[in-house]
N, C-alpha and C. Protein backbone atom coordinates (compact mmCIF):
# COMPACT_ATOMS: atom_id res chain seq x y z
N MET A 1 -0.98 -5.96 21.06
CA MET A 1 0.32 -5.54 21.08
C MET A 1 0.60 -4.22 19.18
N GLU A 2 0.60 -2.99 20.29
CA GLU A 2 1.08 -1.91 19.05
C GLU A 2 2.85 -2.33 19.00
N PHE A 3 2.71 -1.33 17.68
CA PHE A 3 4.54 -1.60 17.39
C PHE A 3 5.05 -1.22 18.04
N THR A 4 6.07 -1.12 18.24
CA THR A 4 7.55 -0.38 18.95
C THR A 4 7.89 0.36 18.84
N ARG A 5 8.18 1.71 18.90
CA ARG A 5 8.82 3.48 18.46
C ARG A 5 9.89 3.21 17.56
N ILE A 6 10.41 1.75 18.33
CA ILE A 6 11.44 1.40 17.01
C ILE A 6 11.89 1.18 15.80
N GLY A 7 10.74 0.19 16.24
CA GLY A 7 10.64 -0.78 14.81
C GLY A 7 9.40 0.30 13.25
N LEU A 8 8.49 1.13 14.48
CA LEU A 8 8.35 1.92 13.07
C LEU A 8 9.31 3.20 12.95
N GLU A 9 10.39 3.18 13.66
CA GLU A 9 10.87 4.05 12.61
C GLU A 9 12.09 3.37 12.00
N THR A 10 12.37 1.68 12.21
CA THR A 10 13.39 1.33 11.55
C THR A 10 12.78 0.33 10.55
N TRP A 11 11.68 -0.08 10.59
CA TRP A 11 10.75 -0.97 9.41
C TRP A 11 9.88 -0.25 8.01
N ASP A 12 10.62 -1.28 6.46
CA ASP A 12 9.60 -1.62 5.84
C ASP A 12 8.50 -1.89 5.90
N ILE A 13 7.50 -0.84 6.43
CA ILE A 13 5.73 -1.37 7.06
C ILE A 13 5.30 -2.09 5.74
N VAL A 14 4.79 -3.24 6.40
CA VAL A 14 3.01 -3.08 5.18
C VAL A 14 2.42 -3.26 5.44
N TRP A 15 1.22 -2.68 4.60
CA TRP A 15 0.49 -2.23 5.55
C TRP A 15 -0.74 -1.68 4.12
N PHE A 16 -2.46 -2.44 4.54
CA PHE A 16 -3.51 -2.29 3.43
C PHE A 16 -4.97 -1.16 4.23
N ALA A 17 -4.89 -0.79 3.62
CA ALA A 17 -6.45 0.41 3.44
C ALA A 17 -7.59 -0.02 2.68
N THR A 18 -8.42 0.27 3.08
CA THR A 18 -9.68 0.66 2.43
C THR A 18 -10.36 2.38 1.57
N ASP A 19 -10.58 2.36 0.51
CA ASP A 19 -11.20 3.70 0.38
C ASP A 19 -12.54 4.23 0.81
N SER A 20 -12.92 5.17 -0.01
CA SER A 20 -14.08 5.73 0.35
C SER A 20 -15.16 4.56 -1.31
N GLN A 21 -14.68 3.89 -1.42
CA GLN A 21 -14.99 3.06 -2.32
C GLN A 21 -14.91 1.57 -1.82
N GLY A 22 -14.26 1.62 -1.61
CA GLY A 22 -14.92 0.38 -0.72
C GLY A 22 -13.20 -0.69 -1.75
N SER A 23 -12.33 -0.18 -2.28
CA SER A 23 -11.27 -0.69 -2.83
C SER A 23 -10.36 -0.93 -1.84
N ILE A 24 -9.79 -1.92 -2.38
CA ILE A 24 -7.97 -2.28 -1.08
C ILE A 24 -7.03 -1.90 -1.92
N ALA A 25 -6.75 -1.48 -1.32
CA ALA A 25 -4.65 -0.88 -1.21
C ALA A 25 -3.93 -1.46 0.16
N TYR A 26 -2.42 -1.02 -0.98
CA TYR A 26 -1.08 -2.13 -0.20
C TYR A 26 -0.44 -0.94 -0.43
N PHE A 27 0.53 -0.67 1.09
CA PHE A 27 0.87 0.63 1.39
C PHE A 27 1.90 -0.20 1.48
N THR A 28 3.68 0.75 0.86
CA THR A 28 5.20 -0.11 1.95
C THR A 28 5.58 1.33 2.08
N SER A 29 6.05 1.58 3.95
CA SER A 29 6.32 3.11 4.23
C SER A 29 7.22 3.00 4.21
N GLY A 30 8.36 2.62 4.31
CA GLY A 30 10.14 2.51 3.50
C GLY A 30 10.31 3.87 4.19
N LEU A 31 9.92 3.35 6.14
CA LEU A 31 10.94 4.48 6.80
C LEU A 31 10.23 5.85 6.90
N TYR A 32 9.52 6.22 5.39
CA TYR A 32 9.52 7.42 5.79
C TYR A 32 7.94 7.93 5.70
N GLY A 33 7.35 6.94 5.14
CA GLY A 33 5.24 7.25 4.86
C GLY A 33 5.01 6.84 6.27
N SER A 34 3.97 7.68 6.19
CA SER A 34 2.91 8.07 8.38
C SER A 34 1.89 6.54 7.48
N LEU A 35 1.99 6.04 8.74
CA LEU A 35 1.03 5.01 9.39
C LEU A 35 -0.05 5.62 10.17
N PRO A 36 -1.33 5.08 9.99
CA PRO A 36 -2.62 4.91 10.34
C PRO A 36 -2.14 4.69 11.95
N ASP A 37 -3.35 5.31 12.24
CA ASP A 37 -3.43 4.84 14.11
C ASP A 37 -3.75 3.62 13.97
N SER A 38 -4.71 2.91 13.38
CA SER A 38 -5.54 1.29 13.43
C SER A 38 -4.06 0.30 12.97
N ILE A 39 -3.03 0.49 12.15
CA ILE A 39 -2.33 0.10 12.17
C ILE A 39 -0.96 -0.34 13.20
N ILE A 40 -0.98 0.55 13.81
CA ILE A 40 -0.19 0.95 14.88
C ILE A 40 -0.42 -0.02 16.03
N ALA A 41 -1.59 0.51 16.24
CA ALA A 41 -2.48 -0.38 17.63
C ALA A 41 -2.56 -1.83 17.58
N SER A 42 -1.93 -2.12 16.25
CA SER A 42 -2.76 -3.74 16.04
C SER A 42 -1.45 -4.38 15.31
N LYS A 43 -0.50 -5.07 15.93
CA LYS A 43 0.77 -5.35 15.01
C LYS A 43 -0.50 -6.89 14.32
N GLU A 44 -0.77 -7.28 15.28
CA GLU A 44 -1.60 -9.07 15.31
C GLU A 44 -2.26 -8.73 14.19
N ASP A 45 -3.43 -7.63 13.66
CA ASP A 45 -4.43 -7.58 12.67
C ASP A 45 -3.78 -7.04 11.29
N TRP A 46 -2.34 -6.44 11.50
CA TRP A 46 -1.32 -6.33 10.45
C TRP A 46 -0.73 -7.29 9.74
N GLU A 47 -0.09 -8.41 10.53
CA GLU A 47 0.25 -9.59 11.06
C GLU A 47 -0.37 -10.55 9.75
N PHE A 48 -1.72 -9.93 10.49
CA PHE A 48 -3.07 -11.91 9.44
C PHE A 48 -2.99 -11.05 8.26
N ILE A 49 -2.85 -9.58 8.04
CA ILE A 49 -3.45 -9.13 6.54
C ILE A 49 -2.52 -9.24 5.73
N ALA A 50 -0.98 -8.67 6.51
CA ALA A 50 -0.59 -9.49 5.46
C ALA A 50 0.28 -10.77 5.16
N ASP A 51 -0.35 -11.60 6.00
CA ASP A 51 -0.01 -13.27 5.41
C ASP A 51 -0.71 -13.17 4.56
N PHE A 52 -1.61 -12.97 4.44
CA PHE A 52 -3.44 -13.22 3.60
C PHE A 52 -2.87 -13.09 2.83
N PHE A 53 -2.91 -11.23 2.12
CA PHE A 53 -2.40 -10.91 0.69
C PHE A 53 -1.42 -11.37 0.06
N ILE A 54 -0.41 -11.23 0.61
CA ILE A 54 1.25 -11.64 0.10
C ILE A 54 1.05 -13.32 0.37
N GLU A 55 1.09 -13.90 1.14
CA GLU A 55 1.18 -15.43 1.14
C GLU A 55 0.21 -16.39 0.26
N GLN A 56 -1.01 -15.88 1.32
CA GLN A 56 -3.00 -16.82 0.55
C GLN A 56 -3.29 -16.56 -0.97
N PHE A 57 -3.05 -14.70 -1.14
CA PHE A 57 -4.65 -14.49 -1.48
C PHE A 57 -3.88 -14.94 -3.40
N GLU A 58 -4.20 -15.63 -4.32
CA GLU A 58 -3.44 -15.70 -5.12
C GLU A 58 -4.04 -14.69 -6.35
N GLU A 59 -3.10 -14.27 -7.46
CA GLU A 59 -3.65 -13.70 -8.65
C GLU A 59 -4.34 -13.51 -9.04
N ASN A 60 -5.21 -13.01 -9.37
CA ASN A 60 -6.53 -12.94 -10.85
C ASN A 60 -7.10 -11.94 -11.52
N THR A 61 -5.96 -11.04 -11.81
CA THR A 61 -6.55 -10.20 -12.61
C THR A 61 -4.98 -9.40 -12.57
N VAL A 62 -5.04 -8.37 -14.18
CA VAL A 62 -3.82 -7.81 -14.79
C VAL A 62 -3.31 -6.57 -14.15
N GLY A 63 -2.38 -5.79 -13.91
CA GLY A 63 -1.98 -4.75 -12.84
C GLY A 63 -0.72 -4.52 -14.23
N GLN A 64 -1.11 -2.72 -13.68
CA GLN A 64 -0.42 -1.94 -14.23
C GLN A 64 0.48 -0.97 -13.84
N PHE A 65 1.69 -0.36 -14.81
CA PHE A 65 2.86 0.75 -13.64
C PHE A 65 1.77 2.28 -13.88
N ASP A 66 1.89 2.85 -12.40
CA ASP A 66 1.36 3.62 -12.35
C ASP A 66 1.86 4.79 -13.52
N SER A 67 1.53 5.84 -14.95
CA SER A 67 2.52 6.18 -15.81
C SER A 67 3.29 6.86 -15.40
N ASP A 68 3.63 7.51 -14.34
CA ASP A 68 4.45 8.28 -14.20
C ASP A 68 5.62 7.91 -12.78
N CYS A 69 4.23 6.51 -12.39
CA CYS A 69 5.64 6.02 -10.96
C CYS A 69 7.27 6.21 -10.75
N PHE A 70 7.71 5.53 -12.33
CA PHE A 70 9.05 5.86 -12.66
C PHE A 70 9.51 7.09 -11.93
N ASP A 71 9.78 8.19 -12.34
CA ASP A 71 9.46 9.61 -12.06
C ASP A 71 9.58 9.47 -10.59
N LYS A 72 9.09 9.42 -9.87
CA LYS A 72 9.40 8.95 -8.76
C LYS A 72 10.15 8.78 -7.47
N VAL A 73 10.76 7.50 -8.70
CA VAL A 73 12.04 6.91 -8.22
C VAL A 73 13.88 7.32 -8.15
N THR A 74 15.01 7.32 -7.91
CA THR A 74 15.42 7.38 -8.02
C THR A 74 16.83 5.46 -7.33
N MET A 75 17.53 4.98 -8.18
CA MET A 75 17.94 4.35 -8.18
C MET A 75 19.42 4.54 -8.02
N PRO A 76 19.89 4.06 -6.66
CA PRO A 76 21.04 4.16 -6.50
C PRO A 76 22.44 3.47 -7.02
N THR A 77 21.91 2.57 -8.27
CA THR A 77 23.61 2.77 -8.88
C THR A 77 23.17 2.87 -10.64
N ASP A 78 21.82 1.94 -10.87
CA ASP A 78 21.26 1.66 -12.28
C ASP A 78 19.80 2.79 -12.68
N ASN A 79 19.46 3.57 -12.92
CA ASN A 79 18.55 3.94 -13.06
C ASN A 79 17.77 3.82 -14.45
N SER A 80 17.79 2.88 -15.17
CA SER A 80 17.30 2.41 -16.05
C SER A 80 15.71 1.40 -15.98
N ILE A 81 14.37 1.52 -16.53
CA ILE A 81 13.74 1.60 -16.31
C ILE A 81 13.65 -0.14 -16.08
N GLU A 82 14.07 -1.18 -16.58
CA GLU A 82 14.20 -2.05 -16.57
C GLU A 82 14.35 -2.13 -15.43
N LYS A 83 14.75 -2.00 -14.59
CA LYS A 83 15.61 -1.88 -13.21
C LYS A 83 14.51 -1.56 -12.39
N LYS A 84 14.04 0.00 -12.27
CA LYS A 84 13.44 0.52 -11.34
C LYS A 84 11.73 -0.69 -11.68
N ARG A 85 11.90 -1.29 -12.67
CA ARG A 85 10.69 -2.31 -12.94
C ARG A 85 10.48 -3.55 -12.10
N PHE A 86 11.96 -3.79 -11.93
CA PHE A 86 12.48 -5.33 -10.99
C PHE A 86 12.04 -4.67 -9.48
N ALA A 87 12.20 -3.32 -8.81
CA ALA A 87 12.21 -2.95 -7.96
C ALA A 87 10.92 -2.96 -7.56
N PHE A 88 10.28 -3.08 -8.41
CA PHE A 88 8.85 -2.96 -8.10
C PHE A 88 7.83 -3.75 -8.10
N SER A 89 8.35 -5.21 -8.10
CA SER A 89 7.63 -6.18 -8.72
C SER A 89 6.73 -6.59 -7.65
N GLU A 90 7.17 -6.39 -5.84
CA GLU A 90 6.03 -6.58 -5.51
C GLU A 90 5.39 -6.02 -5.64
N TYR A 91 4.81 -4.75 -6.08
CA TYR A 91 3.64 -3.98 -6.48
C TYR A 91 2.99 -4.09 -7.15
N ILE A 92 3.52 -5.12 -8.54
CA ILE A 92 2.84 -4.58 -9.43
C ILE A 92 2.15 -6.74 -9.85
N GLU A 93 2.44 -7.25 -8.97
CA GLU A 93 2.48 -8.53 -8.27
C GLU A 93 0.62 -8.27 -7.05
N MET A 94 1.21 -7.33 -5.32
CA MET A 94 -0.17 -7.23 -5.54
C MET A 94 -1.45 -6.84 -6.56
N SER A 95 -1.20 -5.88 -7.35
CA SER A 95 -1.95 -5.02 -8.47
C SER A 95 -2.00 -6.51 -9.01
N ARG A 96 -2.32 -7.41 -9.02
CA ARG A 96 -2.43 -8.90 -9.87
C ARG A 96 -3.51 -8.87 -9.22
N LYS A 97 -3.28 -9.28 -8.01
CA LYS A 97 -4.18 -9.75 -6.70
C LYS A 97 -5.45 -8.60 -6.72
N GLY A 98 -5.62 -7.67 -7.28
CA GLY A 98 -6.72 -6.73 -7.46
C GLY A 98 -6.71 -5.63 -6.43
N LEU A 99 -5.44 -5.40 -6.15
CA LEU A 99 -4.79 -3.82 -4.80
C LEU A 99 -4.07 -3.27 -5.33
N TYR A 100 -4.58 -1.48 -5.34
CA TYR A 100 -3.72 -0.55 -5.91
C TYR A 100 -2.51 -0.86 -5.25
N SER A 101 -1.96 -0.15 -5.48
CA SER A 101 -0.84 -0.44 -4.78
C SER A 101 0.38 0.94 -4.19
N TYR A 102 0.39 1.43 -3.24
CA TYR A 102 1.28 2.40 -2.90
C TYR A 102 3.02 2.74 -1.76
N ASP A 103 3.12 3.83 -2.51
CA ASP A 103 4.69 3.34 -2.20
C ASP A 103 5.04 5.32 -1.16
N SER A 104 5.73 5.06 -0.70
CA SER A 104 6.47 6.38 0.55
C SER A 104 7.13 7.14 -0.35
N TYR A 105 7.09 8.57 -0.15
CA TYR A 105 8.29 9.95 -1.00
C TYR A 105 9.17 9.49 0.14
N ASP A 106 10.65 9.82 -0.93
CA ASP A 106 11.67 9.27 0.22
C ASP A 106 12.56 10.55 0.27
N THR A 107 11.39 11.62 -0.04
CA THR A 107 12.31 13.15 0.51
C THR A 107 11.61 13.93 1.87
N LYS A 108 12.46 14.43 2.05
CA LYS A 108 12.21 15.46 3.49
C LYS A 108 10.62 15.88 2.56
N LEU A 109 10.44 16.78 1.96
CA LEU A 109 9.40 17.45 0.89
C LEU A 109 8.81 16.56 0.69
N ARG A 110 8.23 15.66 1.12
CA ARG A 110 6.95 14.77 0.93
C ARG A 110 7.33 14.02 1.73
N TYR A 111 7.47 14.22 2.87
CA TYR A 111 7.59 13.19 4.00
C TYR A 111 6.23 12.54 4.78
N GLY A 112 5.97 11.69 4.54
CA GLY A 112 4.12 10.83 4.51
C GLY A 112 4.15 10.57 3.78
N ASP A 113 4.22 10.75 2.81
CA ASP A 113 2.36 11.37 1.29
C ASP A 113 3.60 9.81 1.02
N TYR A 114 2.44 9.38 -0.56
CA TYR A 114 2.43 8.31 -0.59
C TYR A 114 1.85 8.75 -2.01
N TYR A 115 2.88 7.06 -2.99
CA TYR A 115 2.21 7.59 -4.47
C TYR A 115 2.25 6.73 -5.41
N ARG A 116 0.83 6.52 -5.91
CA ARG A 116 1.01 4.82 -6.50
C ARG A 116 1.52 4.38 -7.43
N VAL A 117 2.21 3.35 -7.65
CA VAL A 117 3.18 2.76 -8.56
C VAL A 117 2.45 1.72 -9.28
N SER A 118 0.95 1.00 -8.26
CA SER A 118 0.53 0.30 -9.87
C SER A 118 -0.81 0.21 -8.84
N TYR A 119 -1.65 0.00 -10.33
CA TYR A 119 -3.27 -0.41 -9.71
C TYR A 119 -3.68 -1.74 -10.83
N PRO A 120 -4.44 -2.34 -10.20
CA PRO A 120 -5.01 -3.73 -11.05
C PRO A 120 -6.09 -2.99 -11.92
N ILE A 121 -6.25 -4.01 -13.34
CA ILE A 121 -7.17 -3.63 -14.07
C ILE A 121 -8.72 -4.16 -13.99
N LYS A 122 -8.98 -5.34 -12.71
CA LYS A 122 -10.10 -5.70 -11.97
C LYS A 122 -9.55 -4.98 -10.61
N PRO A 123 -10.30 -4.18 -9.71
CA PRO A 123 -10.14 -4.31 -9.06
C PRO A 123 -10.94 -4.72 -7.71
N LEU A 124 -10.37 -5.30 -7.02
CA LEU A 124 -10.79 -6.19 -5.95
C LEU A 124 -11.57 -6.06 -4.58
N ASN A 125 -12.49 -6.66 -4.65
CA ASN A 125 -14.04 -6.47 -3.66
C ASN A 125 -14.31 -6.85 -2.06
N PHE A 126 -14.61 -6.68 -1.32
CA PHE A 126 -14.86 -7.59 -0.30
C PHE A 126 -15.53 -8.60 0.00
N GLU A 127 -16.07 -8.50 -1.15
CA GLU A 127 -17.51 -10.04 -1.97
C GLU A 127 -16.53 -11.41 -1.66
N ASN A 128 -15.24 -10.94 -2.86
CA ASN A 128 -14.34 -11.92 -2.69
C ASN A 128 -13.54 -12.82 -1.39
N LEU A 129 -14.03 -11.84 -0.08
CA LEU A 129 -12.88 -12.30 0.33
C LEU A 129 -13.65 -13.29 2.01
N PRO A 130 -12.48 -14.09 2.94
CA PRO A 130 -13.30 -14.05 3.92
C PRO A 130 -13.71 -13.11 4.73
N ILE A 131 -14.89 -13.47 5.40
CA ILE A 131 -15.94 -12.35 6.81
C ILE A 131 -14.31 -11.96 7.41
N SER A 132 -12.82 -12.89 7.63
CA SER A 132 -12.63 -11.56 8.90
C SER A 132 -11.65 -10.85 8.22
N ILE A 133 -11.55 -10.55 6.71
CA ILE A 133 -10.39 -9.71 6.24
C ILE A 133 -11.30 -8.42 5.90
N PRO A 134 -12.03 -8.19 5.87
CA PRO A 134 -12.87 -7.03 5.98
C PRO A 134 -13.01 -6.34 7.27
N LYS A 135 -13.25 -7.16 8.72
CA LYS A 135 -14.12 -6.64 9.44
C LYS A 135 -12.41 -5.87 9.62
N ILE A 136 -11.20 -6.84 9.12
CA ILE A 136 -9.54 -5.32 9.72
C ILE A 136 -9.91 -4.63 8.54
N LEU A 137 -10.10 -4.62 7.55
CA LEU A 137 -9.93 -3.44 6.34
C LEU A 137 -10.45 -2.34 6.79
N GLU A 138 -11.84 -2.68 7.58
CA GLU A 138 -12.76 -1.59 8.16
C GLU A 138 -11.63 -0.87 9.48
N LYS A 139 -11.21 -0.77 9.82
CA LYS A 139 -10.70 -0.23 10.77
C LYS A 139 -9.46 0.60 10.02
N THR A 140 -9.18 0.59 8.84
CA THR A 140 -8.41 1.56 8.07
C THR A 140 -8.90 1.75 6.89
N LYS A 141 -9.46 2.59 6.90
CA LYS A 141 -10.40 2.88 5.39
C LYS A 141 -9.86 4.84 5.32
N LEU A 142 -9.48 4.93 4.75
CA LEU A 142 -9.53 6.14 4.06
C LEU A 142 -10.62 7.05 3.51
N ASN A 143 -11.91 7.91 4.14
CA ASN A 143 -13.03 7.75 3.91
C ASN A 143 -12.56 9.13 2.82
N ASN A 144 -11.51 10.08 2.74
CA ASN A 144 -11.26 10.95 1.56
C ASN A 144 -10.93 10.80 0.37
N ILE A 145 -10.49 9.44 0.63
CA ILE A 145 -9.50 8.71 -0.08
C ILE A 145 -10.18 8.29 -1.37
N ASN A 146 -9.93 8.28 -2.76
CA ASN A 146 -10.91 6.95 -4.43
C ASN A 146 -9.18 6.69 -4.58
N PHE A 147 -8.59 5.19 -4.78
CA PHE A 147 -8.17 4.70 -5.34
C PHE A 147 -7.16 4.76 -6.65
N LYS A 148 -8.40 5.11 -7.36
CA LYS A 148 -8.52 4.75 -8.79
C LYS A 148 -8.51 6.22 -8.82
N LYS A 149 -8.91 7.04 -8.87
CA LYS A 149 -8.66 8.43 -9.27
C LYS A 149 -7.32 9.11 -8.06
N ASP A 150 -6.70 8.82 -6.94
CA ASP A 150 -5.97 9.58 -6.06
C ASP A 150 -4.37 8.95 -6.01
N LYS A 151 -3.45 8.76 -7.19
CA LYS A 151 -2.35 9.02 -6.88
C LYS A 151 -1.63 9.42 -6.46
N ASN A 152 -1.69 10.29 -5.85
CA ASN A 152 -1.07 10.20 -3.98
C ASN A 152 -2.08 10.66 -3.26
N ILE A 153 -1.64 10.27 -1.90
CA ILE A 153 -2.42 10.64 -0.64
C ILE A 153 -1.40 11.49 0.19
N LYS A 154 -1.77 12.30 1.15
CA LYS A 154 -0.89 13.10 1.43
C LYS A 154 -0.55 12.22 2.94
N LYS A 155 -0.18 13.20 3.72
CA LYS A 155 0.03 12.61 4.89
C LYS A 155 -0.65 12.44 5.38
N ASN A 156 -2.18 14.17 6.07
CA ASN A 156 -3.71 14.42 6.16
C ASN A 156 -4.31 13.96 6.25
N ASN A 157 -4.63 12.48 4.95
CA ASN A 157 -5.61 11.61 4.63
C ASN A 157 -5.57 10.28 5.54
N ILE A 158 -4.17 10.18 6.18
CA ILE A 158 -4.06 9.14 6.52
C ILE A 158 -3.92 9.18 8.10
N ILE A 159 -3.57 9.68 8.50
CA ILE A 159 -3.30 10.21 10.38
C ILE A 159 -4.66 11.32 10.45
N SER A 160 -5.02 10.03 11.77
CA SER A 160 -6.26 10.85 12.53
C SER A 160 -5.94 12.13 13.13
């Protein structure tokens, strides 16, 4: 089953992808981020992977905030670093599970692009996952991206 057009335009969609090195990343679309066709095409795959990483997979490493991630967001009422750390807690939690974490830019200037919020000290690899997970993740492979090196991911690297 595919996502509905209204769902794509109104939901902050969580999705996962692999890069050219086999690393895994967690993304949140925030209504502004581009979505790969593979995510749009199968809501079931998306829900299965999201449930696995969010609900079932345990933390196994240290996660670090990217050095400039707080410069890319403005909070509506309290713009303190503490408030931003709290707002980004889900990203660091995913990095503690071995995943790189990205959020979408909330501006028209960078519409569709993503920036890295956090990264794992020890990235997760496929060998530590049940066989069904890599099979689904391979459908959303960003071939021109290396999560370790790429702090920003442009829309044209996500949409085929």
